[in-house]
Amino acid sequence: MSGQGVFIALDGVDGGGKTGAVAALERVLTAQGYDAVVTREPGGTEAGLALRRLLLSEHGYDWTPVAELLLMNAARAQHVERVIRPALAAGRAVLSDRYVAATIAFQGAGRGLALPRILELHRMATGDLWPDLTVILDIDVRRGLARSRLRNAAASLDEGRFEALDLAFHERVRQSYLDQAAARPDRYAVIDADRPEAEVQRDVEARVLAALRR
């Protein structure tokens, strides 16, 4: 595990139900006696939230792929230094809604940036900190995007910059997640998220608890 604690990331294409799954997982781990901290990316800190608004606003700046990658890593560097590493050092269970798998998928496969560049920036930004387990919530991109757009509209969120991109972009992102999981089955788990929420959350909890027992 990472330090004294455990680091779990939930990731996947937009609309897969990560936020609800993280909240449900927090309740289960707390009941099991874990001291859980929930966080997200981009975000997790005040500076990270400011960058989140800049990066996700559909009506904001037109970032180049490289600028987008650098800003994501700036938010992550702050997040790891101020939130994740202190929590792990204190023996806590960190549950993050997105982490580096998202950068590999969105800025790598989606935007076409080279994986070695992404990995080098990750080493610089985080000291090469990786989750103990990354759970991928996998869903058809059309269904996921429809869910995500409804969520943004219901909450009046201006966070639709990536949802506005074409289906081909999101298909590349989805395939990247599946490829990452296939390459590291010891560190990744894929959960079918195209099912009722309770079923998905139950499978996430079972997979995470199994990893913790190991």
C-alpha atoms as a PDB file:
ATOM      1  CA  MET A   1       0.000   0.000   0.000  1.00  0.00           C
ATOM      2  CA  SER A   2       0.987   3.701  -0.306  1.00  0.00           C
ATOM      3  CA  GLY A   3       2.715   4.618   2.978  1.00  0.00           C
ATOM      4  CA  GLN A   4       0.590   3.637   5.934  1.00  0.00           C
ATOM      5  CA  GLY A   5      -2.766   4.245   4.265  1.00  0.00           C
ATOM      6  CA  VAL A   6      -4.515   2.996   1.156  1.00  0.00           C
ATOM      7  CA  PHE A   7      -5.168   4.932  -2.060  1.00  0.00           C
ATOM      8  CA  ILE A   8      -8.206   4.023  -4.196  1.00  0.00           C
ATOM      9  CA  ALA A   9      -9.152   5.927  -7.366  1.00  0.00           C
ATOM     10  CA  LEU A  10     -12.441   5.635  -9.243  1.00  0.00           C
ATOM     11  CA  ASP A  11     -12.263   6.606 -12.877  1.00  0.00           C
ATOM     12  CA  GLY A  12     -13.825   6.127 -16.282  1.00  0.00           C
ATOM     13  CA  VAL A  13     -15.683   7.963 -19.016  1.00  0.00           C
ATOM     14  CA  ASP A  14     -18.057  10.775 -18.127  1.00  0.00           C
ATOM     15  CA  GLY A  15     -21.394   9.676 -16.683  1.00  0.00           C
ATOM     16  CA  GLY A  16     -20.275   6.346 -15.257  1.00  0.00           C
ATOM     17  CA  GLY A  17     -21.462   7.120 -11.723  1.00  0.00           C
ATOM     18  CA  LYS A  18     -18.100   7.741 -10.049  1.00  0.00           C
ATOM     19  CA  THR A  19     -19.339  10.356  -7.599  1.00  0.00           C
ATOM     20  CA  GLY A  20     -22.149   8.180  -6.246  1.00  0.00           C
ATOM     21  CA  ALA A  21     -19.883   5.140  -6.080  1.00  0.00           C
ATOM     22  CA  VAL A  22     -17.258   7.073  -4.117  1.00  0.00           C
ATOM     23  CA  ALA A  23     -19.875   8.239  -1.600  1.00  0.00           C
ATOM     24  CA  ALA A  24     -21.237   4.708  -1.184  1.00  0.00           C
ATOM     25  CA  LEU A  25     -17.733   3.312  -0.819  1.00  0.00           C
ATOM     26  CA  GLU A  26     -16.923   5.855   1.877  1.00  0.00           C
ATOM     27  CA  ARG A  27     -19.908   4.656   3.918  1.00  0.00           C
ATOM     28  CA  VAL A  28     -18.879   1.014   3.582  1.00  0.00           C
ATOM     29  CA  LEU A  29     -15.236   1.609   4.475  1.00  0.00           C
ATOM     30  CA  THR A  30     -16.198   3.755   7.456  1.00  0.00           C
ATOM     31  CA  ALA A  31     -18.438   0.949   8.688  1.00  0.00           C
ATOM     32  CA  GLN A  32     -15.463  -1.421   8.297  1.00  0.00           C
ATOM     33  CA  GLY A  33     -13.357   0.809  10.551  1.00  0.00           C
ATOM     34  CA  TYR A  34     -11.368   2.706   7.925  1.00  0.00           C
ATOM     35  CA  ASP A  35     -10.765   6.442   8.298  1.00  0.00           C
ATOM     36  CA  ALA A  36     -11.768   7.503   4.796  1.00  0.00           C
ATOM     37  CA  VAL A  37     -11.165  10.828   3.060  1.00  0.00           C
ATOM     38  CA  VAL A  38     -13.028  11.617  -0.171  1.00  0.00           C
ATOM     39  CA  THR A  39     -11.490  13.896  -2.766  1.00  0.00           C
ATOM     40  CA  ARG A  40     -11.591  14.518  -6.520  1.00  0.00           C
ATOM     41  CA  GLU A  41      -9.678  15.737  -9.566  1.00  0.00           C
ATOM     42  CA  PRO A  42      -9.278  18.275 -10.811  1.00  0.00           C
ATOM     43  CA  GLY A  43      -9.880  19.789  -7.390  1.00  0.00           C
ATOM     44  CA  GLY A  44      -9.207  18.532  -3.907  1.00  0.00           C
ATOM     45  CA  THR A  45      -7.693  21.843  -2.791  1.00  0.00           C
ATOM     46  CA  GLU A  46      -8.716  25.489  -3.103  1.00  0.00           C
ATOM     47  CA  ALA A  47      -6.146  25.988  -5.864  1.00  0.00           C
ATOM     48  CA  GLY A  48      -7.274  22.780  -7.553  1.00  0.00           C
ATOM     49  CA  LEU A  49     -10.891  23.928  -7.541  1.00  0.00           C
ATOM     50  CA  ALA A  50      -9.857  27.189  -9.190  1.00  0.00           C
ATOM     51  CA  LEU A  51      -8.089  25.219 -11.901  1.00  0.00           C
ATOM     52  CA  ARG A  52     -11.120  22.920 -12.204  1.00  0.00           C
ATOM     53  CA  ARG A  53     -13.288  25.909 -13.107  1.00  0.00           C
ATOM     54  CA  LEU A  54     -10.767  26.991 -15.742  1.00  0.00           C
ATOM     55  CA  LEU A  55     -10.352  23.504 -17.210  1.00  0.00           C
ATOM     56  CA  LEU A  56     -13.942  22.245 -17.272  1.00  0.00           C
ATOM     57  CA  SER A  57     -15.912  25.346 -18.219  1.00  0.00           C
ATOM     58  CA  GLU A  58     -17.556  24.841 -21.587  1.00  0.00           C
ATOM     59  CA  HIS A  59     -17.604  28.604 -22.085  1.00  0.00           C
ATOM     60  CA  GLY A  60     -14.077  29.318 -20.849  1.00  0.00           C
ATOM     61  CA  TYR A  61     -10.657  29.213 -22.425  1.00  0.00           C
ATOM     62  CA  ASP A  62      -9.673  27.153 -25.461  1.00  0.00           C
ATOM     63  CA  TRP A  63      -6.652  25.411 -23.934  1.00  0.00           C
ATOM     64  CA  THR A  64      -4.153  23.670 -26.192  1.00  0.00           C
ATOM     65  CA  PRO A  65      -3.624  19.980 -25.344  1.00  0.00           C
ATOM     66  CA  VAL A  66      -0.206  20.688 -23.793  1.00  0.00           C
ATOM     67  CA  ALA A  67      -1.536  23.599 -21.725  1.00  0.00           C
ATOM     68  CA  GLU A  68      -4.398  21.382 -20.568  1.00  0.00           C
ATOM     69  CA  LEU A  69      -1.936  18.657 -19.538  1.00  0.00           C
ATOM     70  CA  LEU A  70       0.216  21.105 -17.591  1.00  0.00           C
ATOM     71  CA  LEU A  71      -2.759  22.573 -15.755  1.00  0.00           C
ATOM     72  CA  MET A  72      -4.063  19.119 -14.829  1.00  0.00           C
ATOM     73  CA  ASN A  73      -0.660  18.275 -13.403  1.00  0.00           C
ATOM     74  CA  ALA A  74      -0.437  21.569 -11.525  1.00  0.00           C
ATOM     75  CA  ALA A  75      -3.753  20.758  -9.836  1.00  0.00           C
ATOM     76  CA  ARG A  76      -2.548  17.218  -9.107  1.00  0.00           C
ATOM     77  CA  ALA A  77       0.776  18.359  -7.631  1.00  0.00           C
ATOM     78  CA  GLN A  78      -1.088  20.558  -5.150  1.00  0.00           C
ATOM     79  CA  HIS A  79      -3.590  17.786  -4.466  1.00  0.00           C
ATOM     80  CA  VAL A  80      -0.963  15.138  -3.742  1.00  0.00           C
ATOM     81  CA  GLU A  81       1.189  17.402  -1.585  1.00  0.00           C
ATOM     82  CA  ARG A  82      -1.606  18.955   0.461  1.00  0.00           C
ATOM     83  CA  VAL A  83      -4.222  16.177   0.659  1.00  0.00           C
ATOM     84  CA  ILE A  84      -3.266  12.711  -0.538  1.00  0.00           C
ATOM     85  CA  ARG A  85       0.204  12.172   0.925  1.00  0.00           C
ATOM     86  CA  PRO A  86      -0.692  13.596   4.375  1.00  0.00           C
ATOM     87  CA  ALA A  87      -3.789  11.384   4.508  1.00  0.00           C
ATOM     88  CA  LEU A  88      -1.813   8.281   3.528  1.00  0.00           C
ATOM     89  CA  ALA A  89       0.885   9.094   6.081  1.00  0.00           C
ATOM     90  CA  ALA A  90      -1.857   9.307   8.731  1.00  0.00           C
ATOM     91  CA  GLY A  91      -3.073   5.810   7.805  1.00  0.00           C
ATOM     92  CA  ARG A  92      -6.263   6.969   6.117  1.00  0.00           C
ATOM     93  CA  ALA A  93      -8.095   5.482   3.112  1.00  0.00           C
ATOM     94  CA  VAL A  94      -8.021   8.023   0.278  1.00  0.00           C
ATOM     95  CA  LEU A  95     -10.910   7.743  -2.210  1.00  0.00           C
ATOM     96  CA  SER A  96     -10.350   9.947  -5.248  1.00  0.00           C
ATOM     97  CA  ASP A  97     -12.863  10.672  -7.992  1.00  0.00           C
ATOM     98  CA  ARG A  98     -10.334  10.534 -10.889  1.00  0.00           C
ATOM     99  CA  TYR A  99      -6.543  10.510 -10.854  1.00  0.00           C
ATOM    100  CA  VAL A 100      -3.732   9.778 -13.327  1.00  0.00           C
ATOM    101  CA  ALA A 101      -5.691   7.169 -15.317  1.00  0.00           C
ATOM    102  CA  ALA A 102      -7.868  10.062 -16.472  1.00  0.00           C
ATOM    103  CA  THR A 103      -4.854  11.989 -17.749  1.00  0.00           C
ATOM    104  CA  ILE A 104      -3.602   8.979 -19.684  1.00  0.00           C
ATOM    105  CA  ALA A 105      -7.084   8.528 -21.173  1.00  0.00           C
ATOM    106  CA  PHE A 106      -8.201  12.114 -21.820  1.00  0.00           C
ATOM    107  CA  GLN A 107      -4.976  13.973 -22.576  1.00  0.00           C
ATOM    108  CA  GLY A 108      -3.169  10.895 -23.910  1.00  0.00           C
ATOM    109  CA  ALA A 109      -5.590   8.858 -25.994  1.00  0.00           C
ATOM    110  CA  GLY A 110      -8.163  11.637 -26.352  1.00  0.00           C
ATOM    111  CA  ARG A 111      -5.877  14.561 -27.178  1.00  0.00           C
ATOM    112  CA  GLY A 112      -3.101  12.496 -28.732  1.00  0.00           C
ATOM    113  CA  LEU A 113      -0.282  13.456 -26.352  1.00  0.00           C
ATOM    114  CA  ALA A 114       2.567  10.984 -25.974  1.00  0.00           C
ATOM    115  CA  LEU A 115       2.448   8.623 -23.004  1.00  0.00           C
ATOM    116  CA  PRO A 116       6.141   9.118 -22.048  1.00  0.00           C
ATOM    117  CA  ARG A 117       5.526  12.868 -21.680  1.00  0.00           C
ATOM    118  CA  ILE A 118       2.473  12.225 -19.505  1.00  0.00           C
ATOM    119  CA  LEU A 119       4.354   9.764 -17.287  1.00  0.00           C
ATOM    120  CA  GLU A 120       7.332  12.095 -16.894  1.00  0.00           C
ATOM    121  CA  LEU A 121       5.091  14.955 -15.808  1.00  0.00           C
ATOM    122  CA  HIS A 122       3.342  12.602 -13.405  1.00  0.00           C
ATOM    123  CA  ARG A 123       6.679  11.720 -11.829  1.00  0.00           C
ATOM    124  CA  MET A 124       7.514  15.402 -11.449  1.00  0.00           C
ATOM    125  CA  ALA A 125       4.107  16.396 -10.099  1.00  0.00           C
ATOM    126  CA  THR A 126       3.520  13.554  -7.649  1.00  0.00           C
ATOM    127  CA  GLY A 127       6.813  11.805  -6.963  1.00  0.00           C
ATOM    128  CA  ASP A 128       5.380   8.948  -9.056  1.00  0.00           C
ATOM    129  CA  LEU A 129       2.512   8.253  -6.654  1.00  0.00           C
ATOM    130  CA  TRP A 130       0.003   5.741  -8.055  1.00  0.00           C
ATOM    131  CA  PRO A 131      -3.176   4.366  -6.500  1.00  0.00           C
ATOM    132  CA  ASP A 132      -3.117   0.955  -4.879  1.00  0.00           C
ATOM    133  CA  LEU A 133      -6.250   0.232  -6.934  1.00  0.00           C
ATOM    134  CA  THR A 134      -7.972   2.085  -9.773  1.00  0.00           C
ATOM    135  CA  VAL A 135     -11.595   1.067 -10.355  1.00  0.00           C
ATOM    136  CA  ILE A 136     -12.825   1.832 -13.869  1.00  0.00           C
ATOM    137  CA  LEU A 137     -16.579   2.356 -14.200  1.00  0.00           C
ATOM    138  CA  ASP A 138     -17.188   1.391 -17.811  1.00  0.00           C
ATOM    139  CA  ILE A 139     -20.247   2.509 -19.760  1.00  0.00           C
ATOM    140  CA  ASP A 140     -21.250   3.104 -23.383  1.00  0.00           C
ATOM    141  CA  VAL A 141     -20.049   6.625 -24.126  1.00  0.00           C
ATOM    142  CA  ARG A 142     -23.392   7.794 -25.535  1.00  0.00           C
ATOM    143  CA  ARG A 143     -25.249   6.751 -22.404  1.00  0.00           C
ATOM    144  CA  GLY A 144     -22.559   8.172 -20.171  1.00  0.00           C
ATOM    145  CA  LEU A 145     -22.513  11.531 -21.938  1.00  0.00           C
ATOM    146  CA  ALA A 146     -26.305  11.766 -21.757  1.00  0.00           C
ATOM    147  CA  ARG A 147     -26.170  11.146 -18.005  1.00  0.00           C
ATOM    148  CA  SER A 148     -23.362  13.655 -17.522  1.00  0.00           C
ATOM    149  CA  ARG A 149     -25.113  16.390 -19.483  1.00  0.00           C
ATOM    150  CA  LEU A 150     -28.317  15.863 -17.504  1.00  0.00           C
ATOM    151  CA  ARG A 151     -26.357  16.097 -14.248  1.00  0.00           C
ATOM    152  CA  ASN A 152     -24.673  19.335 -15.306  1.00  0.00           C
ATOM    153  CA  ALA A 153     -27.969  20.857 -16.389  1.00  0.00           C
ATOM    154  CA  ALA A 154     -29.772  19.818 -13.196  1.00  0.00           C
ATOM    155  CA  ALA A 155     -27.044  21.329 -11.025  1.00  0.00           C
ATOM    156  CA  SER A 156     -26.505  24.378 -13.294  1.00  0.00           C
ATOM    157  CA  LEU A 157     -22.839  23.395 -13.606  1.00  0.00           C
ATOM    158  CA  ASP A 158     -20.640  24.916 -16.286  1.00  0.00           C
ATOM    159  CA  GLU A 159     -18.431  21.814 -16.504  1.00  0.00           C
ATOM    160  CA  GLY A 160     -19.280  20.538 -19.963  1.00  0.00           C
ATOM    161  CA  ARG A 161     -16.062  21.274 -21.849  1.00  0.00           C
ATOM    162  CA  PHE A 162     -15.169  17.617 -22.375  1.00  0.00           C
ATOM    163  CA  GLU A 163     -18.769  16.482 -22.830  1.00  0.00           C
ATOM    164  CA  ALA A 164     -18.939  18.896 -25.792  1.00  0.00           C
ATOM    165  CA  LEU A 165     -16.239  16.967 -27.667  1.00  0.00           C
ATOM    166  CA  ASP A 166     -17.156  14.456 -30.357  1.00  0.00           C
ATOM    167  CA  LEU A 167     -17.950  10.779 -29.852  1.00  0.00           C
ATOM    168  CA  ALA A 168     -14.680   9.684 -31.438  1.00  0.00           C
ATOM    169  CA  PHE A 169     -12.785  11.497 -28.676  1.00  0.00           C
ATOM    170  CA  HIS A 170     -14.797   9.744 -25.968  1.00  0.00           C
ATOM    171  CA  GLU A 171     -14.446   6.351 -27.650  1.00  0.00           C
ATOM    172  CA  ARG A 172     -10.655   6.789 -27.594  1.00  0.00           C
ATOM    173  CA  VAL A 173     -10.857   7.712 -23.923  1.00  0.00           C
ATOM    174  CA  ARG A 174     -12.938   4.640 -23.118  1.00  0.00           C
ATOM    175  CA  GLN A 175     -10.594   2.323 -24.998  1.00  0.00           C
ATOM    176  CA  SER A 176      -7.617   3.785 -23.145  1.00  0.00           C
ATOM    177  CA  TYR A 177      -9.211   2.972 -19.798  1.00  0.00           C
ATOM    178  CA  LEU A 178      -9.822  -0.610 -20.902  1.00  0.00           C
ATOM    179  CA  ASP A 179      -6.269  -0.903 -22.234  1.00  0.00           C
ATOM    180  CA  GLN A 180      -4.804   0.422 -18.983  1.00  0.00           C
ATOM    181  CA  ALA A 181      -6.797  -2.108 -16.993  1.00  0.00           C
ATOM    182  CA  ALA A 182      -5.791  -4.986 -19.282  1.00  0.00           C
ATOM    183  CA  ALA A 183      -2.125  -4.052 -18.923  1.00  0.00           C
ATOM    184  CA  ARG A 184      -2.224  -3.910 -15.094  1.00  0.00           C
ATOM    185  CA  PRO A 185      -4.889  -6.310 -13.784  1.00  0.00           C
ATOM    186  CA  ASP A 186      -3.153  -6.258 -10.382  1.00  0.00           C
ATOM    187  CA  ARG A 187      -3.779  -2.514 -10.057  1.00  0.00           C
ATOM    188  CA  TYR A 188      -7.000  -1.985 -12.019  1.00  0.00           C
ATOM    189  CA  ALA A 189     -10.537  -3.371 -11.920  1.00  0.00           C
ATOM    190  CA  VAL A 190     -13.236  -2.797 -14.547  1.00  0.00           C
ATOM    191  CA  ILE A 191     -16.860  -2.619 -13.394  1.00  0.00           C
ATOM    192  CA  ASP A 192     -19.800  -2.613 -15.808  1.00  0.00           C
ATOM    193  CA  ALA A 193     -21.512   0.690 -14.965  1.00  0.00           C
ATOM    194  CA  ASP A 194     -24.333   0.284 -17.494  1.00  0.00           C
ATOM    195  CA  ARG A 195     -26.568  -1.273 -14.795  1.00  0.00           C
ATOM    196  CA  PRO A 196     -28.682  -0.088 -11.856  1.00  0.00           C
ATOM    197  CA  GLU A 197     -26.692   2.114  -9.482  1.00  0.00           C
ATOM    198  CA  ALA A 198     -27.064  -0.231  -6.499  1.00  0.00           C
ATOM    199  CA  GLU A 199     -25.604  -3.163  -8.454  1.00  0.00           C
ATOM    200  CA  VAL A 200     -22.649  -1.102  -9.638  1.00  0.00           C
ATOM    201  CA  GLN A 201     -21.907   0.188  -6.160  1.00  0.00           C
ATOM    202  CA  ARG A 202     -22.135  -3.310  -4.692  1.00  0.00           C
ATOM    203  CA  ASP A 203     -19.568  -4.599  -7.178  1.00  0.00           C
ATOM    204  CA  VAL A 204     -17.246  -1.638  -6.531  1.00  0.00           C
ATOM    205  CA  GLU A 205     -17.414  -2.253  -2.797  1.00  0.00           C
ATOM    206  CA  ALA A 206     -16.741  -5.985  -3.210  1.00  0.00           C
ATOM    207  CA  ARG A 207     -13.711  -5.358  -5.430  1.00  0.00           C
ATOM    208  CA  VAL A 208     -12.227  -2.743  -3.106  1.00  0.00           C
ATOM    209  CA  LEU A 209     -12.771  -4.817   0.036  1.00  0.00           C
ATOM    210  CA  ALA A 210     -11.164  -7.819  -1.653  1.00  0.00           C
ATOM    211  CA  ALA A 211      -8.125  -5.696  -2.479  1.00  0.00           C
ATOM    212  CA  LEU A 212      -7.925  -4.422   1.092  1.00  0.00           C
ATOM    213  CA  ARG A 213      -8.036  -7.951   2.475  1.00  0.00           C
ATOM    214  CA  ARG A 214      -5.050  -8.862   0.299  1.00  0.00           C
END
